[in-house]
Amino acid sequence: MSRCYSTGRARVTTPNEDRYLTVTAKRNRRSTASDLFRQLSSATGTTVSRQTVYRRLGHIGLYARRPVRCVPLTASHCRLRLTWSREHALWTPQQWSCVMFSPTSPGLVCSLILSGL
């Protein structure tokens, strides 16, 4: 991590402590800034605030993220979706009129009414 030196207040953490925070945060991606500042103070004896830890993580690009609401697609899911889209690419509006979309899972085809398809 590069440091920008200024005439302002001295930093509370050393480069080694910043590196410790980085490694610890990357090892356990679900740990919060509060967890990390407790781990830092027990490991090094340096007392810092939760906000300081939050800023240090922001400098290295580890920002707070909201949990993902959907499961990421696997390679087989991607392959199946591509196959499905290629099969249905040339469908006519009449064929699409026989498809029922569910309001509980928008965008997903729930069932096909197999009348004439």
C-alpha atoms as a PDB file:
ATOM      1  CA  MET A   1       0.000   0.000   0.000  1.00  0.00           C
ATOM      2  CA  SER A   2       1.412   3.373  -0.894  1.00  0.00           C
ATOM      3  CA  ARG A   3       1.191   6.138   1.636  1.00  0.00           C
ATOM      4  CA  CYS A   4       0.688   9.803   0.944  1.00  0.00           C
ATOM      5  CA  TYR A   5       2.716  11.764   3.454  1.00  0.00           C
ATOM      6  CA  SER A   6       1.358  15.077   4.569  1.00  0.00           C
ATOM      7  CA  THR A   7       1.808  17.614   7.297  1.00  0.00           C
ATOM      8  CA  GLY A   8      -1.402  16.446   8.987  1.00  0.00           C
ATOM      9  CA  ARG A   9      -1.887  14.160  11.929  1.00  0.00           C
ATOM     10  CA  ALA A  10       0.342  11.086  12.208  1.00  0.00           C
ATOM     11  CA  ARG A  11      -1.218   7.758  11.311  1.00  0.00           C
ATOM     12  CA  VAL A  12      -2.219   5.439  14.137  1.00  0.00           C
ATOM     13  CA  THR A  13      -1.316   2.250  12.280  1.00  0.00           C
ATOM     14  CA  THR A  14       2.017   1.220  10.822  1.00  0.00           C
ATOM     15  CA  PRO A  15       2.445  -0.292   7.344  1.00  0.00           C
ATOM     16  CA  ASN A  16       2.785  -3.736   8.961  1.00  0.00           C
ATOM     17  CA  GLU A  17      -0.508  -3.293  10.796  1.00  0.00           C
ATOM     18  CA  ASP A  18      -2.174  -2.156   7.577  1.00  0.00           C
ATOM     19  CA  ARG A  19      -0.845  -5.297   5.891  1.00  0.00           C
ATOM     20  CA  TYR A  20      -2.183  -7.393   8.783  1.00  0.00           C
ATOM     21  CA  LEU A  21      -5.631  -5.842   8.298  1.00  0.00           C
ATOM     22  CA  THR A  22      -5.479  -6.539   4.572  1.00  0.00           C
ATOM     23  CA  VAL A  23      -4.517 -10.186   5.004  1.00  0.00           C
ATOM     24  CA  THR A  24      -7.076 -10.762   7.758  1.00  0.00           C
ATOM     25  CA  ALA A  25      -9.875  -9.107   5.783  1.00  0.00           C
ATOM     26  CA  LYS A  26      -9.086 -11.110   2.654  1.00  0.00           C
ATOM     27  CA  ARG A  27      -8.920 -14.386   4.597  1.00  0.00           C
ATOM     28  CA  ASN A  28     -12.317 -13.860   6.137  1.00  0.00           C
ATOM     29  CA  ARG A  29     -14.406 -11.829   3.690  1.00  0.00           C
ATOM     30  CA  ARG A  30     -17.428 -11.814   5.991  1.00  0.00           C
ATOM     31  CA  SER A  31     -15.673 -10.181   8.937  1.00  0.00           C
ATOM     32  CA  THR A  32     -16.839  -6.681   9.813  1.00  0.00           C
ATOM     33  CA  ALA A  33     -14.719  -3.649  10.627  1.00  0.00           C
ATOM     34  CA  SER A  34     -15.597  -4.172  14.299  1.00  0.00           C
ATOM     35  CA  ASP A  35     -14.301  -7.751  14.168  1.00  0.00           C
ATOM     36  CA  LEU A  36     -11.120  -6.622  12.444  1.00  0.00           C
ATOM     37  CA  PHE A  37     -10.325  -3.837  14.896  1.00  0.00           C
ATOM     38  CA  ARG A  38     -10.760  -6.304  17.785  1.00  0.00           C
ATOM     39  CA  GLN A  39      -8.421  -8.778  16.073  1.00  0.00           C
ATOM     40  CA  LEU A  40      -5.864  -6.038  15.375  1.00  0.00           C
ATOM     41  CA  SER A  41      -5.852  -4.808  18.960  1.00  0.00           C
ATOM     42  CA  SER A  42      -5.495  -8.338  20.362  1.00  0.00           C
ATOM     43  CA  ALA A  43      -2.725  -9.254  17.892  1.00  0.00           C
ATOM     44  CA  THR A  44      -0.637  -6.074  17.967  1.00  0.00           C
ATOM     45  CA  GLY A  45      -1.807  -4.143  21.005  1.00  0.00           C
ATOM     46  CA  THR A  46      -2.622  -1.103  18.851  1.00  0.00           C
ATOM     47  CA  THR A  47      -5.954   0.462  19.708  1.00  0.00           C
ATOM     48  CA  VAL A  48      -7.755   1.910  16.714  1.00  0.00           C
ATOM     49  CA  SER A  49     -11.371   2.777  16.058  1.00  0.00           C
ATOM     50  CA  ARG A  50     -13.752   0.858  13.852  1.00  0.00           C
ATOM     51  CA  GLN A  51     -13.847   3.883  11.539  1.00  0.00           C
ATOM     52  CA  THR A  52     -10.052   3.776  11.099  1.00  0.00           C
ATOM     53  CA  VAL A  53     -10.225   0.115  10.090  1.00  0.00           C
ATOM     54  CA  TYR A  54     -13.074   0.952   7.705  1.00  0.00           C
ATOM     55  CA  ARG A  55     -10.953   3.695   6.065  1.00  0.00           C
ATOM     56  CA  ARG A  56      -7.887   1.436   5.769  1.00  0.00           C
ATOM     57  CA  LEU A  57      -9.973  -1.241   4.059  1.00  0.00           C
ATOM     58  CA  GLY A  58     -11.387   1.411   1.729  1.00  0.00           C
ATOM     59  CA  HIS A  59      -7.866   2.468   0.720  1.00  0.00           C
ATOM     60  CA  ILE A  60      -7.073  -1.063  -0.430  1.00  0.00           C
ATOM     61  CA  GLY A  61     -10.398  -1.484  -2.220  1.00  0.00           C
ATOM     62  CA  LEU A  62     -12.302  -3.655   0.263  1.00  0.00           C
ATOM     63  CA  TYR A  63     -15.603  -1.871   0.669  1.00  0.00           C
ATOM     64  CA  ALA A  64     -18.686  -3.015   2.508  1.00  0.00           C
ATOM     65  CA  ARG A  65     -20.893  -5.014   0.227  1.00  0.00           C
ATOM     66  CA  ARG A  66     -24.457  -6.138   0.563  1.00  0.00           C
ATOM     67  CA  PRO A  67     -24.896  -9.901   0.345  1.00  0.00           C
ATOM     68  CA  VAL A  68     -25.832 -11.237  -3.048  1.00  0.00           C
ATOM     69  CA  ARG A  69     -29.540 -12.015  -3.293  1.00  0.00           C
ATOM     70  CA  CYS A  70     -29.185 -14.684  -5.952  1.00  0.00           C
ATOM     71  CA  VAL A  71     -26.957 -17.680  -6.444  1.00  0.00           C
ATOM     72  CA  PRO A  72     -24.244 -17.087  -9.063  1.00  0.00           C
ATOM     73  CA  LEU A  73     -24.619 -19.116 -12.231  1.00  0.00           C
ATOM     74  CA  THR A  74     -22.365 -22.092 -12.755  1.00  0.00           C
ATOM     75  CA  ALA A  75     -20.809 -22.922 -16.109  1.00  0.00           C
ATOM     76  CA  SER A  76     -23.471 -25.556 -16.762  1.00  0.00           C
ATOM     77  CA  HIS A  77     -26.260 -23.042 -15.968  1.00  0.00           C
ATOM     78  CA  CYS A  78     -24.754 -20.584 -18.458  1.00  0.00           C
ATOM     79  CA  ARG A  79     -24.472 -23.296 -21.097  1.00  0.00           C
ATOM     80  CA  LEU A  80     -28.096 -24.407 -20.554  1.00  0.00           C
ATOM     81  CA  ARG A  81     -29.378 -20.816 -20.709  1.00  0.00           C
ATOM     82  CA  LEU A  82     -27.474 -20.181 -23.934  1.00  0.00           C
ATOM     83  CA  THR A  83     -28.847 -23.378 -25.467  1.00  0.00           C
ATOM     84  CA  TRP A  84     -32.379 -22.434 -24.432  1.00  0.00           C
ATOM     85  CA  SER A  85     -32.053 -18.931 -25.880  1.00  0.00           C
ATOM     86  CA  ARG A  86     -30.737 -20.260 -29.189  1.00  0.00           C
ATOM     87  CA  GLU A  87     -33.633 -22.724 -29.429  1.00  0.00           C
ATOM     88  CA  HIS A  88     -36.179 -19.975 -28.803  1.00  0.00           C
ATOM     89  CA  ALA A  89     -34.543 -17.144 -30.750  1.00  0.00           C
ATOM     90  CA  LEU A  90     -36.732 -17.571 -33.834  1.00  0.00           C
ATOM     91  CA  TRP A  91     -40.041 -18.113 -32.096  1.00  0.00           C
ATOM     92  CA  THR A  92     -43.054 -16.285 -33.468  1.00  0.00           C
ATOM     93  CA  PRO A  93     -45.343 -14.072 -31.367  1.00  0.00           C
ATOM     94  CA  GLN A  94     -47.973 -16.822 -31.613  1.00  0.00           C
ATOM     95  CA  GLN A  95     -45.597 -19.330 -30.012  1.00  0.00           C
ATOM     96  CA  TRP A  96     -44.696 -16.844 -27.261  1.00  0.00           C
ATOM     97  CA  SER A  97     -48.385 -16.258 -26.556  1.00  0.00           C
ATOM     98  CA  CYS A  98     -48.556 -19.855 -25.291  1.00  0.00           C
ATOM     99  CA  VAL A  99     -45.902 -19.221 -22.628  1.00  0.00           C
ATOM    100  CA  MET A 100     -46.987 -18.417 -19.086  1.00  0.00           C
ATOM    101  CA  PHE A 101     -44.730 -16.170 -17.002  1.00  0.00           C
ATOM    102  CA  SER A 102     -44.959 -16.330 -13.243  1.00  0.00           C
ATOM    103  CA  PRO A 103     -45.191 -13.118 -11.180  1.00  0.00           C
ATOM    104  CA  THR A 104     -43.267 -14.788  -8.332  1.00  0.00           C
ATOM    105  CA  SER A 105     -40.158 -15.280 -10.437  1.00  0.00           C
ATOM    106  CA  PRO A 106     -40.115 -12.500 -13.032  1.00  0.00           C
ATOM    107  CA  GLY A 107     -38.206 -13.193 -16.195  1.00  0.00           C
ATOM    108  CA  LEU A 108     -38.260 -16.952 -15.773  1.00  0.00           C
ATOM    109  CA  VAL A 109     -40.480 -19.128 -17.871  1.00  0.00           C
ATOM    110  CA  CYS A 110     -42.425 -21.233 -15.413  1.00  0.00           C
ATOM    111  CA  SER A 111     -44.432 -23.438 -17.685  1.00  0.00           C
ATOM    112  CA  LEU A 112     -45.258 -23.912 -21.311  1.00  0.00           C
ATOM    113  CA  ILE A 113     -48.783 -24.612 -22.375  1.00  0.00           C
ATOM    114  CA  LEU A 114     -48.121 -27.358 -24.835  1.00  0.00           C
ATOM    115  CA  SER A 115     -50.952 -26.588 -27.222  1.00  0.00           C
ATOM    116  CA  GLY A 116     -49.552 -26.879 -30.684  1.00  0.00           C
ATOM    117  CA  LEU A 117     -45.871 -26.405 -29.705  1.00  0.00           C
END
